[in-house]
Each structure stands twice: as C-alpha cells, then as structure tokens.
Amino acid sequence: MDNERVIVEFERGAGQKVVVRQTEFRGKAYLDLRQFFQGDDGQWLPTKKGVSLPWELRAALIEALQKEEP
C-alpha cells in the first residue's frame, strides 16, 4: 500500500480486530475493511479476509447500510 489512514477499528476477540481504513494503491483510493491478527511479537498484521472497494463507492455503501434494519 502506498498510503493508508485508519478510520475505525473493532475488536473481534482475543488477538483479532477488524480495521476500516482508507488506502491508496497505484494512485487510486480505496475503502478497505480487513481482519487483522496479533502476531507473536504483538504487532497487528492484516489477513486475506477482507474487501477493498473503490473510494467512490463509500457513500453508496453508507446509504445502503443506513436503510437496513437489524
């Protein structure tokens, strides 16, 4: 990743969390939702479990989530 900015983190149990971040790859911005795990040295590392969406789709994603009810 060229650039990244963490938007929010959600704890997901011992040694796991989900991170929502803005990333940039090859000059294009993305909204990345990814599961991280804590390595033996205590450092948080990304897993393959996640999705990256073009940054332009964030408003549509937020709108769709706000329409949903639990």
PDB file of N, CA and C in Angstrom:
ATOM      1  N   MET A   1       0.844  -1.178   0.000  1.00  0.00           N
ATOM      2  CA  MET A   1       0.000   0.000   0.000  1.00  0.00           C
ATOM      3  C   MET A   1       0.889   1.241   0.000  1.00  0.00           C
ATOM      4  N   ASP A   2       0.522   2.176  -0.805  1.00  0.00           N
ATOM      5  CA  ASP A   2       1.281   3.416  -0.863  1.00  0.00           C
ATOM      6  C   ASP A   2       0.979   4.305   0.341  1.00  0.00           C
ATOM      7  N   ASN A   3      -0.300   4.479   0.662  1.00  0.00           N
ATOM      8  CA  ASN A   3      -0.764   5.336   1.754  1.00  0.00           C
ATOM      9  C   ASN A   3      -1.931   4.661   2.449  1.00  0.00           C
ATOM     10  N   GLU A   4      -2.100   4.939   3.735  1.00  0.00           N
ATOM     11  CA  GLU A   4      -3.289   4.443   4.424  1.00  0.00           C
ATOM     12  C   GLU A   4      -3.615   5.328   5.611  1.00  0.00           C
ATOM     13  N   ARG A   5      -4.926   5.360   5.946  1.00  0.00           N
ATOM     14  CA  ARG A   5      -5.410   6.117   7.101  1.00  0.00           C
ATOM     15  C   ARG A   5      -6.489   5.272   7.755  1.00  0.00           C
ATOM     16  N   VAL A   6      -6.307   4.934   9.031  1.00  0.00           N
ATOM     17  CA  VAL A   6      -7.291   4.137   9.763  1.00  0.00           C
ATOM     18  C   VAL A   6      -8.484   5.021  10.099  1.00  0.00           C
ATOM     19  N   ILE A   7      -9.682   4.526   9.781  1.00  0.00           N
ATOM     20  CA  ILE A   7     -10.922   5.243  10.072  1.00  0.00           C
ATOM     21  C   ILE A   7     -11.493   4.765  11.400  1.00  0.00           C
ATOM     22  N   VAL A   8     -11.582   3.444  11.579  1.00  0.00           N
ATOM     23  CA  VAL A   8     -12.108   2.877  12.823  1.00  0.00           C
ATOM     24  C   VAL A   8     -11.615   1.435  12.952  1.00  0.00           C
ATOM     25  N   GLU A   9     -11.519   0.975  14.204  1.00  0.00           N
ATOM     26  CA  GLU A   9     -11.140  -0.406  14.499  1.00  0.00           C
ATOM     27  C   GLU A   9     -12.190  -1.015  15.413  1.00  0.00           C
ATOM     28  N   PHE A  10     -12.509  -2.292  15.189  1.00  0.00           N
ATOM     29  CA  PHE A  10     -13.464  -3.027  16.014  1.00  0.00           C
ATOM     30  C   PHE A  10     -12.773  -4.265  16.563  1.00  0.00           C
ATOM     31  N   GLU A  11     -12.760  -4.408  17.887  1.00  0.00           N
ATOM     32  CA  GLU A  11     -12.211  -5.617  18.495  1.00  0.00           C
ATOM     33  C   GLU A  11     -13.079  -6.805  18.101  1.00  0.00           C
ATOM     34  N   ARG A  12     -12.441  -7.944  17.856  1.00  0.00           N
ATOM     35  CA  ARG A  12     -13.173  -9.125  17.422  1.00  0.00           C
ATOM     36  C   ARG A  12     -12.787 -10.342  18.255  1.00  0.00           C
ATOM     37  N   GLY A  13     -12.409 -10.118  19.473  1.00  0.00           N
ATOM     38  CA  GLY A  13     -11.992 -11.215  20.332  1.00  0.00           C
ATOM     39  C   GLY A  13     -10.491 -11.150  20.564  1.00  0.00           C
ATOM     40  N   ALA A  14     -10.002 -12.122  21.301  1.00  0.00           N
ATOM     41  CA  ALA A  14      -8.586 -12.137  21.672  1.00  0.00           C
ATOM     42  C   ALA A  14      -7.698 -12.225  20.436  1.00  0.00           C
ATOM     43  N   GLY A  15      -6.872 -11.206  20.265  1.00  0.00           N
ATOM     44  CA  GLY A  15      -5.891 -11.234  19.194  1.00  0.00           C
ATOM     45  C   GLY A  15      -6.429 -10.985  17.802  1.00  0.00           C
ATOM     46  N   GLN A  16      -7.678 -10.483  17.691  1.00  0.00           N
ATOM     47  CA  GLN A  16      -8.256 -10.203  16.381  1.00  0.00           C
ATOM     48  C   GLN A  16      -8.997  -8.874  16.403  1.00  0.00           C
ATOM     49  N   LYS A  17      -8.990  -8.194  15.269  1.00  0.00           N
ATOM     50  CA  LYS A  17      -9.783  -6.983  15.123  1.00  0.00           C
ATOM     51  C   LYS A  17     -10.082  -6.767  13.643  1.00  0.00           C
ATOM     52  N   VAL A  18     -11.111  -5.960  13.385  1.00  0.00           N
ATOM     53  CA  VAL A  18     -11.450  -5.548  12.030  1.00  0.00           C
ATOM     54  C   VAL A  18     -11.083  -4.077  11.916  1.00  0.00           C
ATOM     55  N   VAL A  19     -10.384  -3.736  10.863  1.00  0.00           N
ATOM     56  CA  VAL A  19      -9.931  -2.364  10.646  1.00  0.00           C
ATOM     57  C   VAL A  19     -10.568  -1.835   9.368  1.00  0.00           C
ATOM     58  N   VAL A  20     -11.172  -0.657   9.483  1.00  0.00           N
ATOM     59  CA  VAL A  20     -11.705   0.051   8.320  1.00  0.00           C
ATOM     60  C   VAL A  20     -10.732   1.183   8.048  1.00  0.00           C
ATOM     61  N   ARG A  21     -10.218   1.228   6.835  1.00  0.00           N
ATOM     62  CA  ARG A  21      -9.211   2.236   6.528  1.00  0.00           C
ATOM     63  C   ARG A  21      -9.327   2.719   5.093  1.00  0.00           C
ATOM     64  N   GLN A  22      -8.813   3.897   4.876  1.00  0.00           N
ATOM     65  CA  GLN A  22      -8.690   4.427   3.523  1.00  0.00           C
ATOM     66  C   GLN A  22      -7.275   4.090   3.076  1.00  0.00           C
ATOM     67  N   THR A  23      -7.166   3.457   1.927  1.00  0.00           N
ATOM     68  CA  THR A  23      -5.858   3.102   1.402  1.00  0.00           C
ATOM     69  C   THR A  23      -5.695   3.671   0.000  1.00  0.00           C
ATOM     70  N   GLU A  24      -4.475   3.662  -0.449  1.00  0.00           N
ATOM     71  CA  GLU A  24      -4.184   4.089  -1.814  1.00  0.00           C
ATOM     72  C   GLU A  24      -3.262   3.051  -2.433  1.00  0.00           C
ATOM     73  N   PHE A  25      -3.580   2.642  -3.653  1.00  0.00           N
ATOM     74  CA  PHE A  25      -2.759   1.668  -4.358  1.00  0.00           C
ATOM     75  C   PHE A  25      -2.672   2.093  -5.811  1.00  0.00           C
ATOM     76  N   ARG A  26      -1.456   2.251  -6.277  1.00  0.00           N
ATOM     77  CA  ARG A  26      -1.210   2.690  -7.654  1.00  0.00           C
ATOM     78  C   ARG A  26      -1.976   3.966  -7.996  1.00  0.00           C
ATOM     79  N   GLY A  27      -2.007   4.883  -7.032  1.00  0.00           N
ATOM     80  CA  GLY A  27      -2.617   6.186  -7.257  1.00  0.00           C
ATOM     81  C   GLY A  27      -4.128   6.228  -7.151  1.00  0.00           C
ATOM     82  N   LYS A  28      -4.758   5.112  -6.770  1.00  0.00           N
ATOM     83  CA  LYS A  28      -6.217   5.062  -6.662  1.00  0.00           C
ATOM     84  C   LYS A  28      -6.613   4.821  -5.201  1.00  0.00           C
ATOM     85  N   ALA A  29      -7.643   5.539  -4.718  1.00  0.00           N
ATOM     86  CA  ALA A  29      -8.087   5.434  -3.321  1.00  0.00           C
ATOM     87  C   ALA A  29      -9.107   4.305  -3.158  1.00  0.00           C
ATOM     88  N   TYR A  30      -9.028   3.613  -2.012  1.00  0.00           N
ATOM     89  CA  TYR A  30      -9.925   2.501  -1.697  1.00  0.00           C
ATOM     90  C   TYR A  30     -10.415   2.600  -0.257  1.00  0.00           C
ATOM     91  N   LEU A  31     -11.589   2.019  -0.017  1.00  0.00           N
ATOM     92  CA  LEU A  31     -12.106   1.790   1.327  1.00  0.00           C
ATOM     93  C   LEU A  31     -11.836   0.322   1.614  1.00  0.00           C
ATOM     94  N   ASP A  32     -11.020   0.046   2.610  1.00  0.00           N
ATOM     95  CA  ASP A  32     -10.581  -1.319   2.907  1.00  0.00           C
ATOM     96  C   ASP A  32     -11.128  -1.755   4.255  1.00  0.00           C
ATOM     97  N   LEU A  33     -11.843  -2.872   4.293  1.00  0.00           N
ATOM     98  CA  LEU A  33     -12.324  -3.495   5.529  1.00  0.00           C
ATOM     99  C   LEU A  33     -11.587  -4.815   5.637  1.00  0.00           C
ATOM    100  N   ARG A  34     -10.782  -4.982   6.683  1.00  0.00           N
ATOM    101  CA  ARG A  34      -9.911  -6.140   6.747  1.00  0.00           C
ATOM    102  C   ARG A  34      -9.771  -6.655   8.167  1.00  0.00           C
ATOM    103  N   GLN A  35      -9.699  -7.983   8.298  1.00  0.00           N
ATOM    104  CA  GLN A  35      -9.439  -8.612   9.586  1.00  0.00           C
ATOM    105  C   GLN A  35      -7.927  -8.614   9.823  1.00  0.00           C
ATOM    106  N   PHE A  36      -7.539  -8.268  11.042  1.00  0.00           N
ATOM    107  CA  PHE A  36      -6.134  -8.279  11.453  1.00  0.00           C
ATOM    108  C   PHE A  36      -5.971  -9.274  12.593  1.00  0.00           C
ATOM    109  N   PHE A  37      -4.773  -9.818  12.748  1.00  0.00           N
ATOM    110  CA  PHE A  37      -4.459 -10.667  13.894  1.00  0.00           C
ATOM    111  C   PHE A  37      -3.183 -10.154  14.541  1.00  0.00           C
ATOM    112  N   GLN A  38      -3.036 -10.492  15.806  1.00  0.00           N
ATOM    113  CA  GLN A  38      -1.868 -10.041  16.556  1.00  0.00           C
ATOM    114  C   GLN A  38      -0.801 -11.123  16.502  1.00  0.00           C
ATOM    115  N   GLY A  39       0.355 -10.777  15.944  1.00  0.00           N
ATOM    116  CA  GLY A  39       1.459 -11.720  15.836  1.00  0.00           C
ATOM    117  C   GLY A  39       2.110 -11.987  17.179  1.00  0.00           C
ATOM    118  N   ASP A  40       3.021 -12.933  17.187  1.00  0.00           N
ATOM    119  CA  ASP A  40       3.720 -13.308  18.420  1.00  0.00           C
ATOM    120  C   ASP A  40       4.482 -12.139  19.038  1.00  0.00           C
ATOM    121  N   ASP A  41       4.909 -11.201  18.203  1.00  0.00           N
ATOM    122  CA  ASP A  41       5.655 -10.043  18.703  1.00  0.00           C
ATOM    123  C   ASP A  41       4.741  -8.896  19.121  1.00  0.00           C
ATOM    124  N   GLY A  42       3.399  -9.113  19.043  1.00  0.00           N
ATOM    125  CA  GLY A  42       2.440  -8.090  19.446  1.00  0.00           C
ATOM    126  C   GLY A  42       2.025  -7.149  18.337  1.00  0.00           C
ATOM    127  N   GLN A  43       2.651  -7.269  17.181  1.00  0.00           N
ATOM    128  CA  GLN A  43       2.331  -6.396  16.049  1.00  0.00           C
ATOM    129  C   GLN A  43       1.054  -6.881  15.356  1.00  0.00           C
ATOM    130  N   TRP A  44       0.197  -5.923  14.949  1.00  0.00           N
ATOM    131  CA  TRP A  44      -1.034  -6.253  14.239  1.00  0.00           C
ATOM    132  C   TRP A  44      -0.724  -6.444  12.758  1.00  0.00           C
ATOM    133  N   LEU A  45      -1.192  -7.577  12.204  1.00  0.00           N
ATOM    134  CA  LEU A  45      -0.909  -7.930  10.817  1.00  0.00           C
ATOM    135  C   LEU A  45      -2.210  -8.190  10.061  1.00  0.00           C
ATOM    136  N   PRO A  46      -2.308  -7.738   8.807  1.00  0.00           N
ATOM    137  CA  PRO A  46      -3.528  -7.961   8.027  1.00  0.00           C
ATOM    138  C   PRO A  46      -3.625  -9.401   7.548  1.00  0.00           C
ATOM    139  N   THR A  47      -4.863  -9.874   7.407  1.00  0.00           N
ATOM    140  CA  THR A  47      -5.113 -11.188   6.824  1.00  0.00           C
ATOM    141  C   THR A  47      -5.660 -10.999   5.412  1.00  0.00           C
ATOM    142  N   LYS A  48      -5.903 -12.105   4.727  1.00  0.00           N
ATOM    143  CA  LYS A  48      -6.531 -12.052   3.405  1.00  0.00           C
ATOM    144  C   LYS A  48      -8.036 -11.857   3.522  1.00  0.00           C
ATOM    145  N   LYS A  49      -8.566 -11.990   4.747  1.00  0.00           N
ATOM    146  CA  LYS A  49     -10.009 -11.853   4.966  1.00  0.00           C
ATOM    147  C   LYS A  49     -10.382 -10.381   4.989  1.00  0.00           C
ATOM    148  N   GLY A  50     -10.994  -9.930   3.924  1.00  0.00           N
ATOM    149  CA  GLY A  50     -11.385  -8.537   3.835  1.00  0.00           C
ATOM    150  C   GLY A  50     -11.775  -8.183   2.419  1.00  0.00           C
ATOM    151  N   VAL A  51     -12.100  -6.919   2.251  1.00  0.00           N
ATOM    152  CA  VAL A  51     -12.509  -6.440   0.931  1.00  0.00           C
ATOM    153  C   VAL A  51     -12.042  -4.995   0.768  1.00  0.00           C
ATOM    154  N   SER A  52     -11.660  -4.660  -0.456  1.00  0.00           N
ATOM    155  CA  SER A  52     -11.306  -3.286  -0.811  1.00  0.00           C
ATOM    156  C   SER A  52     -12.262  -2.816  -1.891  1.00  0.00           C
ATOM    157  N   LEU A  53     -12.919  -1.697  -1.624  1.00  0.00           N
ATOM    158  CA  LEU A  53     -13.859  -1.112  -2.577  1.00  0.00           C
ATOM    159  C   LEU A  53     -13.310   0.220  -3.060  1.00  0.00           C
ATOM    160  N   PRO A  54     -13.590   0.590  -4.304  1.00  0.00           N
ATOM    161  CA  PRO A  54     -13.182   1.920  -4.749  1.00  0.00           C
ATOM    162  C   PRO A  54     -13.759   2.985  -3.818  1.00  0.00           C
ATOM    163  N   TRP A  55     -12.956   3.975  -3.473  1.00  0.00           N
ATOM    164  CA  TRP A  55     -13.344   5.018  -2.524  1.00  0.00           C
ATOM    165  C   TRP A  55     -14.643   5.697  -2.937  1.00  0.00           C
ATOM    166  N   GLU A  56     -14.893   5.806  -4.242  1.00  0.00           N
ATOM    167  CA  GLU A  56     -16.095   6.478  -4.743  1.00  0.00           C
ATOM    168  C   GLU A  56     -17.382   5.760  -4.322  1.00  0.00           C
ATOM    169  N   LEU A  57     -17.307   4.484  -3.954  1.00  0.00           N
ATOM    170  CA  LEU A  57     -18.498   3.717  -3.571  1.00  0.00           C
ATOM    171  C   LEU A  57     -18.863   3.865  -2.098  1.00  0.00           C
ATOM    172  N   ARG A  58     -18.062   4.593  -1.311  1.00  0.00           N
ATOM    173  CA  ARG A  58     -18.324   4.674   0.134  1.00  0.00           C
ATOM    174  C   ARG A  58     -19.685   5.271   0.449  1.00  0.00           C
ATOM    175  N   ALA A  59     -20.109   6.316  -0.265  1.00  0.00           N
ATOM    176  CA  ALA A  59     -21.409   6.947   0.005  1.00  0.00           C
ATOM    177  C   ALA A  59     -22.544   5.968  -0.274  1.00  0.00           C
ATOM    178  N   ALA A  60     -22.448   5.204  -1.349  1.00  0.00           N
ATOM    179  CA  ALA A  60     -23.476   4.210  -1.676  1.00  0.00           C
ATOM    180  C   ALA A  60     -23.513   3.109  -0.618  1.00  0.00           C
ATOM    181  N   LEU A  61     -22.359   2.700  -0.120  1.00  0.00           N
ATOM    182  CA  LEU A  61     -22.299   1.680   0.931  1.00  0.00           C
ATOM    183  C   LEU A  61     -22.937   2.198   2.213  1.00  0.00           C
ATOM    184  N   ILE A  62     -22.600   3.414   2.609  1.00  0.00           N
ATOM    185  CA  ILE A  62     -23.171   4.009   3.825  1.00  0.00           C
ATOM    186  C   ILE A  62     -24.681   4.130   3.695  1.00  0.00           C
ATOM    187  N   GLU A  63     -25.157   4.592   2.558  1.00  0.00           N
ATOM    188  CA  GLU A  63     -26.597   4.738   2.327  1.00  0.00           C
ATOM    189  C   GLU A  63     -27.305   3.391   2.419  1.00  0.00           C
ATOM    190  N   ALA A  64     -26.738   2.363   1.820  1.00  0.00           N
ATOM    191  CA  ALA A  64     -27.345   1.030   1.865  1.00  0.00           C
ATOM    192  C   ALA A  64     -27.385   0.495   3.295  1.00  0.00           C
ATOM    193  N   LEU A  65     -26.319   0.703   4.064  1.00  0.00           N
ATOM    194  CA  LEU A  65     -26.281   0.235   5.450  1.00  0.00           C
ATOM    195  C   LEU A  65     -27.293   0.969   6.319  1.00  0.00           C
ATOM    196  N   GLN A  66     -27.494   2.255   6.075  1.00  0.00           N
ATOM    197  CA  GLN A  66     -28.444   3.033   6.867  1.00  0.00           C
ATOM    198  C   GLN A  66     -29.885   2.616   6.595  1.00  0.00           C
ATOM    199  N   LYS A  67     -30.165   2.073   5.433  1.00  0.00           N
ATOM    200  CA  LYS A  67     -31.517   1.626   5.088  1.00  0.00           C
ATOM    201  C   LYS A  67     -31.866   0.295   5.751  1.00  0.00           C
ATOM    202  N   GLU A  68     -30.861  -0.481   6.093  1.00  0.00           N
ATOM    203  CA  GLU A  68     -31.075  -1.800   6.688  1.00  0.00           C
ATOM    204  C   GLU A  68     -31.462  -1.687   8.160  1.00  0.00           C
ATOM    205  N   GLU A  69     -32.309  -2.592   8.571  1.00  0.00           N
ATOM    206  CA  GLU A  69     -32.675  -2.681   9.989  1.00  0.00           C
ATOM    207  C   GLU A  69     -32.265  -4.043  10.504  1.00  0.00           C
ATOM    208  N   PRO A  70     -31.840  -4.101  11.759  1.00  0.00           N
ATOM    209  CA  PRO A  70     -31.400  -5.388  12.328  1.00  0.00           C
ATOM    210  C   PRO A  70     -32.518  -6.398  12.417  1.00  0.00           C
TER     211      PRO A  70
END
